[in-house]
Every structure is written in C-alpha cells, then in structure tokens.
PDB file of N, CA and C in Angstrom:
ATOM      1  N   MET A   1     112.362  65.228  98.500  1.00  0.00           N
ATOM      2  CA  MET A   1     113.122  66.229  98.596  1.00  0.00           C
ATOM      3  C   MET A   1     112.523  67.250  99.938  1.00  0.00           C
ATOM      4  N   SER A   2     113.290  67.782 100.901  1.00  0.00           N
ATOM      5  CA  SER A   2     113.085  68.233 102.238  1.00  0.00           C
ATOM      6  C   SER A   2     112.378  69.444 101.681  1.00  0.00           C
ATOM      7  N   HIS A   3     111.496  69.688 102.451  1.00  0.00           N
ATOM      8  CA  HIS A   3     110.861  71.131 102.940  1.00  0.00           C
ATOM      9  C   HIS A   3     111.374  72.095 102.772  1.00  0.00           C
ATOM     10  N   SER A   4     112.493  72.404 103.313  1.00  0.00           N
ATOM     11  CA  SER A   4     113.487  73.375 103.285  1.00  0.00           C
ATOM     12  C   SER A   4     114.151  73.903 101.665  1.00  0.00           C
ATOM     13  N   HIS A   5     114.518  72.853 101.108  1.00  0.00           N
ATOM     14  CA  HIS A   5     114.917  72.807  99.977  1.00  0.00           C
ATOM     15  C   HIS A   5     114.118  73.226  98.916  1.00  0.00           C
ATOM     16  N   ALA A   6     112.530  72.870  98.942  1.00  0.00           N
ATOM     17  CA  ALA A   6     111.545  73.109  97.776  1.00  0.00           C
ATOM     18  C   ALA A   6     111.617  74.442  97.431  1.00  0.00           C
ATOM     19  N   GLU A   7     111.482  74.280  96.534  1.00  0.00           N
ATOM     20  CA  GLU A   7     110.739  75.993  95.470  1.00  0.00           C
ATOM     21  C   GLU A   7     109.849  76.430  96.517  1.00  0.00           C
ATOM     22  N   PRO A   8     109.525  77.615  96.942  1.00  0.00           N
ATOM     23  CA  PRO A   8     108.668  78.481  97.558  1.00  0.00           C
ATOM     24  C   PRO A   8     107.585  78.646  96.431  1.00  0.00           C
ATOM     25  N   THR A   9     106.607  78.709  97.570  1.00  0.00           N
ATOM     26  CA  THR A   9     105.365  79.030  96.548  1.00  0.00           C
ATOM     27  C   THR A   9     104.831  80.477  96.148  1.00  0.00           C
ATOM     28  N   PRO A  10     104.301  80.714  95.021  1.00  0.00           N
ATOM     29  CA  PRO A  10     103.826  81.917  94.982  1.00  0.00           C
ATOM     30  C   PRO A  10     103.117  82.911  96.322  1.00  0.00           C
ATOM     31  N   GLY A  11     102.403  82.180  96.874  1.00  0.00           N
ATOM     32  CA  GLY A  11     101.691  82.619  97.917  1.00  0.00           C
ATOM     33  C   GLY A  11     103.141  82.459  99.072  1.00  0.00           C
ATOM     34  N   GLU A  12     103.900  82.337  99.391  1.00  0.00           N
ATOM     35  CA  GLU A  12     104.952  82.112 100.397  1.00  0.00           C
ATOM     36  C   GLU A  12     105.780  83.286 100.262  1.00  0.00           C
ATOM     37  N   CYS A  13     105.686  83.449  99.229  1.00  0.00           N
ATOM     38  CA  CYS A  13     107.199  84.740  98.523  1.00  0.00           C
ATOM     39  C   CYS A  13     106.360  86.116  98.668  1.00  0.00           C
ATOM     40  N   ALA A  14     104.567  85.816  98.206  1.00  0.00           N
ATOM     41  CA  ALA A  14     103.930  87.527  98.693  1.00  0.00           C
ATOM     42  C   ALA A  14     104.205  87.572  99.893  1.00  0.00           C
ATOM     43  N   ASP A  15     103.907  86.292 100.760  1.00  0.00           N
ATOM     44  CA  ASP A  15     104.031  86.790 102.282  1.00  0.00           C
ATOM     45  C   ASP A  15     104.918  87.751 102.857  1.00  0.00           C
ATOM     46  N   PHE A  16     106.705  86.944 102.369  1.00  0.00           N
ATOM     47  CA  PHE A  16     107.821  87.096 102.587  1.00  0.00           C
ATOM     48  C   PHE A  16     108.064  88.829 102.145  1.00  0.00           C
ATOM     49  N   LEU A  17     107.047  88.930 100.711  1.00  0.00           N
ATOM     50  CA  LEU A  17     107.406  90.457 100.330  1.00  0.00           C
ATOM     51  C   LEU A  17     106.763  91.288 100.839  1.00  0.00           C
ATOM     52  N   ASP A  18     105.945  90.996 101.659  1.00  0.00           N
ATOM     53  CA  ASP A  18     105.246  91.890 102.546  1.00  0.00           C
ATOM     54  C   ASP A  18     106.305  92.421 103.479  1.00  0.00           C
ATOM     55  N   GLN A  19     106.612  91.415 104.175  1.00  0.00           N
ATOM     56  CA  GLN A  19     107.646  91.331 105.020  1.00  0.00           C
ATOM     57  C   GLN A  19     108.761  92.139 105.143  1.00  0.00           C
ATOM     58  N   ILE A  20     109.436  92.205 103.977  1.00  0.00           N
ATOM     59  CA  ILE A  20     110.561  93.032 103.230  1.00  0.00           C
ATOM     60  C   ILE A  20     110.562  94.159 103.960  1.00  0.00           C
ATOM     61  N   VAL A  21     109.540  95.138 103.733  1.00  0.00           N
ATOM     62  CA  VAL A  21     109.846  96.708 104.322  1.00  0.00           C
ATOM     63  C   VAL A  21     110.056  96.854 105.468  1.00  0.00           C
ATOM     64  N   TYR A  22     109.319  95.711 106.243  1.00  0.00           N
ATOM     65  CA  TYR A  22     109.619  95.979 107.858  1.00  0.00           C
ATOM     66  C   TYR A  22     111.012  95.065 108.178  1.00  0.00           C
ATOM     67  N   PHE A  23     111.122  94.313 107.676  1.00  0.00           N
ATOM     68  CA  PHE A  23     112.604  93.825 107.628  1.00  0.00           C
ATOM     69  C   PHE A  23     113.801  94.793 107.361  1.00  0.00           C
ATOM     70  N   LEU A  24     113.702  95.627 106.250  1.00  0.00           N
ATOM     71  CA  LEU A  24     114.616  96.600 106.163  1.00  0.00           C
ATOM     72  C   LEU A  24     114.808  97.529 107.196  1.00  0.00           C
ATOM     73  N   ASP A  25     113.699  98.035 107.729  1.00  0.00           N
ATOM     74  CA  ASP A  25     113.147  98.937 108.908  1.00  0.00           C
ATOM     75  C   ASP A  25     113.220  98.526 110.656  1.00  0.00           C
ATOM     76  N   ASN A  26     113.661  97.278 110.179  1.00  0.00           N
ATOM     77  CA  ASN A  26     114.318  96.512 111.755  1.00  0.00           C
ATOM     78  C   ASN A  26     112.704  96.714 112.614  1.00  0.00           C
ATOM     79  N   GLU A  27     112.053  96.233 111.841  1.00  0.00           N
ATOM     80  CA  GLU A  27     110.411  96.539 112.589  1.00  0.00           C
ATOM     81  C   GLU A  27     110.208  95.162 113.128  1.00  0.00           C
ATOM     82  N   LEU A  28     110.837  93.732 112.467  1.00  0.00           N
ATOM     83  CA  LEU A  28     110.543  92.624 113.080  1.00  0.00           C
ATOM     84  C   LEU A  28     110.895  92.230 113.950  1.00  0.00           C
ATOM     85  N   ASP A  29     110.239  91.138 114.554  1.00  0.00           N
ATOM     86  CA  ASP A  29     110.728  90.284 116.070  1.00  0.00           C
ATOM     87  C   ASP A  29     111.933  89.547 115.361  1.00  0.00           C
ATOM     88  N   GLN A  30     112.746  89.075 116.041  1.00  0.00           N
ATOM     89  CA  GLN A  30     113.717  88.078 116.080  1.00  0.00           C
ATOM     90  C   GLN A  30     113.639  86.753 115.128  1.00  0.00           C
ATOM     91  N   ALA A  31     112.089  86.089 115.740  1.00  0.00           N
ATOM     92  CA  ALA A  31     111.650  85.255 114.752  1.00  0.00           C
ATOM     93  C   ALA A  31     111.333  85.273 113.350  1.00  0.00           C
ATOM     94  N   ASP A  32     110.835  86.542 112.966  1.00  0.00           N
ATOM     95  CA  ASP A  32     110.112  86.833 111.875  1.00  0.00           C
ATOM     96  C   ASP A  32     111.313  87.215 110.805  1.00  0.00           C
ATOM     97  N   CYS A  33     112.421  88.005 111.343  1.00  0.00           N
ATOM     98  CA  CYS A  33     113.825  88.748 110.752  1.00  0.00           C
ATOM     99  C   CYS A  33     114.645  87.198 110.084  1.00  0.00           C
ATOM    100  N   SER A  34     114.524  86.189 111.036  1.00  0.00           N
ATOM    101  CA  SER A  34     115.119  84.668 110.581  1.00  0.00           C
ATOM    102  C   SER A  34     114.610  84.019 109.633  1.00  0.00           C
ATOM    103  N   ALA A  35     112.968  84.529 109.776  1.00  0.00           N
ATOM    104  CA  ALA A  35     112.592  83.526 108.677  1.00  0.00           C
ATOM    105  C   ALA A  35     112.831  84.224 107.301  1.00  0.00           C
ATOM    106  N   VAL A  36     112.378  85.487 107.316  1.00  0.00           N
ATOM    107  CA  VAL A  36     112.992  86.172 106.293  1.00  0.00           C
ATOM    108  C   VAL A  36     114.159  86.084 105.507  1.00  0.00           C
ATOM    109  N   ARG A  37     115.374  86.037 106.483  1.00  0.00           N
ATOM    110  CA  ARG A  37     116.512  85.962 106.124  1.00  0.00           C
ATOM    111  C   ARG A  37     116.977  84.366 105.319  1.00  0.00           C
ATOM    112  N   LEU A  38     116.139  83.468 105.832  1.00  0.00           N
ATOM    113  CA  LEU A  38     116.071  82.267 105.495  1.00  0.00           C
ATOM    114  C   LEU A  38     115.608  82.329 104.112  1.00  0.00           C
ATOM    115  N   HIS A  39     114.471  83.019 103.661  1.00  0.00           N
ATOM    116  CA  HIS A  39     113.680  82.717 102.590  1.00  0.00           C
ATOM    117  C   HIS A  39     114.303  83.414 101.541  1.00  0.00           C
ATOM    118  N   LEU A  40     115.057  84.832 102.011  1.00  0.00           N
ATOM    119  CA  LEU A  40     115.641  85.306 100.786  1.00  0.00           C
ATOM    120  C   LEU A  40     117.184  84.281 100.462  1.00  0.00           C
ATOM    121  N   ASP A  41     117.731  83.980 101.375  1.00  0.00           N
ATOM    122  CA  ASP A  41     118.904  82.669 101.228  1.00  0.00           C
ATOM    123  C   ASP A  41     118.324  81.808 100.219  1.00  0.00           C
ATOM    124  N   SER A  42     117.176  81.465  99.994  1.00  0.00           N
ATOM    125  CA  SER A  42     116.801  80.251  99.237  1.00  0.00           C
ATOM    126  C   SER A  42     115.784  80.621  97.982  1.00  0.00           C
ATOM    127  N   CYS A  43     115.438  81.925  97.870  1.00  0.00           N
ATOM    128  CA  CYS A  43     114.439  82.607  97.007  1.00  0.00           C
ATOM    129  C   CYS A  43     115.345  83.745  96.100  1.00  0.00           C
ATOM    130  N   ASN A  44     115.661  83.464  94.934  1.00  0.00           N
ATOM    131  CA  ASN A  44     116.549  84.155  94.004  1.00  0.00           C
ATOM    132  C   ASN A  44     115.729  85.550  93.865  1.00  0.00           C
ATOM    133  N   PRO A  45     114.203  85.858  93.590  1.00  0.00           N
ATOM    134  CA  PRO A  45     113.180  86.590  92.904  1.00  0.00           C
ATOM    135  C   PRO A  45     113.103  87.225  94.056  1.00  0.00           C
ATOM    136  N   CYS A  46     112.969  86.715  95.274  1.00  0.00           N
ATOM    137  CA  CYS A  46     112.583  87.602  96.045  1.00  0.00           C
ATOM    138  C   CYS A  46     113.739  88.194  96.882  1.00  0.00           C
ATOM    139  N   LEU A  47     115.098  87.691  96.935  1.00  0.00           N
ATOM    140  CA  LEU A  47     116.327  88.487  97.192  1.00  0.00           C
ATOM    141  C   LEU A  47     116.651  89.716  96.529  1.00  0.00           C
ATOM    142  N   GLU A  48     116.346  89.624  94.790  1.00  0.00           N
ATOM    143  CA  GLU A  48     116.583  90.686  93.912  1.00  0.00           C
ATOM    144  C   GLU A  48     115.476  91.503  94.444  1.00  0.00           C
ATOM    145  N   LYS A  49     114.441  91.306  94.594  1.00  0.00           N
ATOM    146  CA  LYS A  49     113.241  92.518  95.307  1.00  0.00           C
ATOM    147  C   LYS A  49     113.866  93.144  96.221  1.00  0.00           C
ATOM    148  N   TYR A  50     114.583  92.314  97.307  1.00  0.00           N
ATOM    149  CA  TYR A  50     114.781  92.747  98.553  1.00  0.00           C
ATOM    150  C   TYR A  50     116.005  93.822  98.257  1.00  0.00           C
ATOM    151  N   ASP A  51     116.978  93.654  97.387  1.00  0.00           N
ATOM    152  CA  ASP A  51     117.996  94.351  97.175  1.00  0.00           C
ATOM    153  C   ASP A  51     117.248  95.726  96.238  1.00  0.00           C
ATOM    154  N   LEU A  52     116.127  95.681  95.681  1.00  0.00           N
ATOM    155  CA  LEU A  52     115.976  96.503  95.162  1.00  0.00           C
ATOM    156  C   LEU A  52     115.625  97.184  95.857  1.00  0.00           C
ATOM    157  N   GLN A  53     114.538  97.001  96.717  1.00  0.00           N
ATOM    158  CA  GLN A  53     113.850  97.749  97.880  1.00  0.00           C
ATOM    159  C   GLN A  53     115.052  98.797  98.704  1.00  0.00           C
ATOM    160  N   ARG A  54     115.957  97.840  99.095  1.00  0.00           N
ATOM    161  CA  ARG A  54     117.037  98.093  99.861  1.00  0.00           C
ATOM    162  C   ARG A  54     117.860  99.264  98.848  1.00  0.00           C
ATOM    163  N   THR A  55     118.272  99.086  98.115  1.00  0.00           N
ATOM    164  CA  THR A  55     118.687 100.392  97.352  1.00  0.00           C
ATOM    165  C   THR A  55     117.730 101.413  97.126  1.00  0.00           C
ATOM    166  N   VAL A  56     116.790 101.791  96.563  1.00  0.00           N
ATOM    167  CA  VAL A  56     115.719 102.700  96.674  1.00  0.00           C
ATOM    168  C   VAL A  56     115.678 103.180  98.137  1.00  0.00           C
ATOM    169  N   LYS A  57     115.574 102.685  99.323  1.00  0.00           N
ATOM    170  CA  LYS A  57     115.267 103.421 100.538  1.00  0.00           C
ATOM    171  C   LYS A  57     116.824 103.847 100.889  1.00  0.00           C
ATOM    172  N   ALA A  58     117.920 103.436 100.058  1.00  0.00           N
ATOM    173  CA  ALA A  58     119.255 104.170 100.617  1.00  0.00           C
ATOM    174  C   ALA A  58     119.029 105.486  99.524  1.00  0.00           C
ATOM    175  N   VAL A  59     118.675 105.672  98.126  1.00  0.00           N
ATOM    176  CA  VAL A  59     118.890 106.492  97.739  1.00  0.00           C
ATOM    177  C   VAL A  59     117.612 107.392  98.162  1.00  0.00           C
ATOM    178  N   VAL A  60     116.405 107.307  98.805  1.00  0.00           N
ATOM    179  CA  VAL A  60     115.337 108.355  99.287  1.00  0.00           C
ATOM    180  C   VAL A  60     116.439 108.925 100.350  1.00  0.00           C
ATOM    181  N   ALA A  61     116.682 108.070 101.110  1.00  0.00           N
ATOM    182  CA  ALA A  61     117.406 108.310 102.445  1.00  0.00           C
ATOM    183  C   ALA A  61     118.507 109.357 102.158  1.00  0.00           C
ATOM    184  N   ARG A  62     119.339 109.458 101.423  1.00  0.00           N
ATOM    185  CA  ARG A  62     120.436 110.006 100.741  1.00  0.00           C
ATOM    186  C   ARG A  62     119.689 111.207 100.520  1.00  0.00           C
ATOM    187  N   SER A  63     118.810 111.226  99.608  1.00  0.00           N
ATOM    188  CA  SER A  63     118.257 112.284  98.772  1.00  0.00           C
ATOM    189  C   SER A  63     117.553 113.453  99.607  1.00  0.00           C
ATOM    190  N   CYS A  64     116.708 112.491 101.011  1.00  0.00           N
ATOM    191  CA  CYS A  64     116.360 113.576 101.942  1.00  0.00           C
ATOM    192  C   CYS A  64     117.299 114.469 102.876  1.00  0.00           C
ATOM    193  N   ALA A  65     118.557 113.767 102.562  1.00  0.00           N
ATOM    194  CA  ALA A  65     119.564 114.331 103.517  1.00  0.00           C
ATOM    195  C   ALA A  65     120.154 115.957 102.953  1.00  0.00           C
ATOM    196  N   GLU A  66     119.959 115.452 101.889  1.00  0.00           N
ATOM    197  CA  GLU A  66     120.746 116.708 100.648  1.00  0.00           C
ATOM    198  C   GLU A  66     119.841 118.000 100.743  1.00  0.00           C
ATOM    199  N   ALA A  67     120.390 119.153 100.928  1.00  0.00           N
ATOM    200  CA  ALA A  67     119.717 120.358 100.757  1.00  0.00           C
ATOM    201  C   ALA A  67     119.498 121.034  99.629  1.00  0.00           C
ATOM    202  N   ALA A  68     118.400 121.551  99.434  1.00  0.00           N
ATOM    203  CA  ALA A  68     118.777 122.675  97.658  1.00  0.00           C
ATOM    204  C   ALA A  68     119.879 123.863  98.065  1.00  0.00           C
ATOM    205  N   PRO A  69     120.482 123.900  96.738  1.00  0.00           N
ATOM    206  CA  PRO A  69     121.371 125.119  96.708  1.00  0.00           C
ATOM    207  C   PRO A  69     120.005 126.069  96.997  1.00  0.00           C
ATOM    208  N   GLU A  70     120.676 127.522  97.629  1.00  0.00           N
ATOM    209  CA  GLU A  70     119.853 128.277  98.233  1.00  0.00           C
ATOM    210  C   GLU A  70     119.194 129.177  97.189  1.00  0.00           C
ATOM    211  N   GLU A  71     119.953 129.284  95.844  1.00  0.00           N
ATOM    212  CA  GLU A  71     119.276 130.004  94.422  1.00  0.00           C
ATOM    213  C   GLU A  71     118.108 129.322  94.235  1.00  0.00           C
ATOM    214  N   LEU A  72     118.367 127.856  93.913  1.00  0.00           N
ATOM    215  CA  LEU A  72     117.379 127.218  93.819  1.00  0.00           C
ATOM    216  C   LEU A  72     115.899 127.012  94.472  1.00  0.00           C
ATOM    217  N   ARG A  73     116.165 127.024  95.895  1.00  0.00           N
ATOM    218  CA  ARG A  73     115.319 127.374  96.894  1.00  0.00           C
ATOM    219  C   ARG A  73     114.750 128.678  96.836  1.00  0.00           C
ATOM    220  N   ASN A  74     115.184 130.019  96.307  1.00  0.00           N
ATOM    221  CA  ASN A  74     114.891 131.197  96.288  1.00  0.00           C
ATOM    222  C   ASN A  74     113.724 131.099  95.114  1.00  0.00           C
ATOM    223  N   ARG A  75     114.759 130.314  94.164  1.00  0.00           N
ATOM    224  CA  ARG A  75     113.557 130.332  92.944  1.00  0.00           C
ATOM    225  C   ARG A  75     112.089 129.416  93.312  1.00  0.00           C
ATOM    226  N   VAL A  76     112.321 128.633  93.645  1.00  0.00           N
ATOM    227  CA  VAL A  76     110.906 127.839  94.498  1.00  0.00           C
ATOM    228  C   VAL A  76     110.146 128.508  95.035  1.00  0.00           C
ATOM    229  N   LEU A  77     110.230 129.078  96.027  1.00  0.00           N
ATOM    230  CA  LEU A  77     109.439 130.276  97.020  1.00  0.00           C
ATOM    231  C   LEU A  77     109.036 131.086  96.285  1.00  0.00           C
ATOM    232  N   LEU A  78     109.768 131.769  95.428  1.00  0.00           N
ATOM    233  CA  LEU A  78     109.215 133.266  94.392  1.00  0.00           C
ATOM    234  C   LEU A  78     108.209 132.369  93.920  1.00  0.00           C
ATOM    235  N   ARG A  79     108.191 130.983  93.032  1.00  0.00           N
ATOM    236  CA  ARG A  79     107.272 130.681  92.086  1.00  0.00           C
ATOM    237  C   ARG A  79     106.028 130.123  92.871  1.00  0.00           C
ATOM    238  N   ILE A  80     106.304 129.791  93.972  1.00  0.00           N
ATOM    239  CA  ILE A  80     105.121 129.441  94.864  1.00  0.00           C
ATOM    240  C   ILE A  80     104.204 130.695  95.349  1.00  0.00           C
ATOM    241  N   ARG A  81     105.247 131.706  95.507  1.00  0.00           N
ATOM    242  CA  ARG A  81     104.341 133.263  95.709  1.00  0.00           C
ATOM    243  C   ARG A  81     103.432 133.743  94.937  1.00  0.00           C
ATOM    244  N   GLU A  82     104.339 132.934  93.018  1.00  0.00           N
ATOM    245  CA  GLU A  82     103.557 134.237  92.335  1.00  0.00           C
ATOM    246  C   GLU A  82     102.453 132.931  92.296  1.00  0.00           C
ATOM    247  N   VAL A  83     102.246 131.887  92.187  1.00  0.00           N
ATOM    248  CA  VAL A  83     101.105 131.198  92.109  1.00  0.00           C
ATOM    249  C   VAL A  83      99.901 131.131  93.300  1.00  0.00           C
ATOM    250  N   GLN A  84     100.497 131.637  94.410  1.00  0.00           N
ATOM    251  CA  GLN A  84      99.508 131.675  95.365  1.00  0.00           C
ATOM    252  C   GLN A  84      98.828 133.358  94.918  1.00  0.00           C
ATOM    253  N   ILE A  85      99.539 134.009  94.151  1.00  0.00           N
ATOM    254  CA  ILE A  85      98.783 135.297  94.080  1.00  0.00           C
ATOM    255  C   ILE A  85      97.829 135.517  92.813  1.00  0.00           C
ATOM    256  N   GLN A  86      98.371 134.658  92.033  1.00  0.00           N
ATOM    257  CA  GLN A  86      97.490 134.113  90.541  1.00  0.00           C
ATOM    258  C   GLN A  86      96.130 133.466  91.238  1.00  0.00           C
ATOM    259  N   ILE A  87      96.324 132.532  92.129  1.00  0.00           N
ATOM    260  CA  ILE A  87      95.269 132.036  92.775  1.00  0.00           C
ATOM    261  C   ILE A  87      94.220 132.960  93.526  1.00  0.00           C
ATOM    262  N   ARG A  88      95.034 133.860  94.271  1.00  0.00           N
ATOM    263  CA  ARG A  88      93.680 134.805  94.865  1.00  0.00           C
ATOM    264  C   ARG A  88      93.142 135.780  94.075  1.00  0.00           C
ATOM    265  N   GLU A  89      93.712 136.224  92.720  1.00  0.00           N
ATOM    266  CA  GLU A  89      93.392 137.014  92.023  1.00  0.00           C
ATOM    267  C   GLU A  89      92.320 136.115  90.876  1.00  0.00           C
ATOM    268  N   SER A  90      92.249 135.405  90.785  1.00  0.00           N
ATOM    269  CA  SER A  90      91.226 134.495  90.154  1.00  0.00           C
ATOM    270  C   SER A  90      90.104 134.386  90.784  1.00  0.00           C
TER     271      SER A  90
END
C-alpha cells in the first residue's frame, strides 16, 4: 500500500483540521492549500468537518450582512437605556 492511499493518522487529521479555518479564509500559501486539498480528497471525516465549517462561515457571513428591522432596533436600544438607568440607580 503506498503512503498516498494510507489512512491518515489522528495527528495528521488534527494538523489539517487546524489549517481548515485558514484554508477557508484563503490565508494559506499555495503549497499548504494543495496539501489541505489532497488531504480532504482522501479523508471523509475531515471533509465532513470542512463542509460544516464552510457552512457555518457562510451562515455567519449572511447573518452579519442583514440589518435588524427598525422596530426591533428601537426596542433593543430602549431596553439598553432602561438597564443603564437601573444600573446607575443601584
């Protein structure tokens, strides 16, 4: 069995999982990107974790782009002022 088709060790997977965040953010150099892609192509558990991280990142990015409705924003600001008043009076 050649090394390229061997099952990755837990230590190898841990190293690649540490790099997934940087891979998703395009913060790895070309050699590291290639190594991560090669690992993901051969390791289903890491690929599943990568897919989960990518999905979470996309949901967070989408959520951060949405603005709260004006009515909700006003209610939150009012509640913050009420709490600040209560804290000052304590």
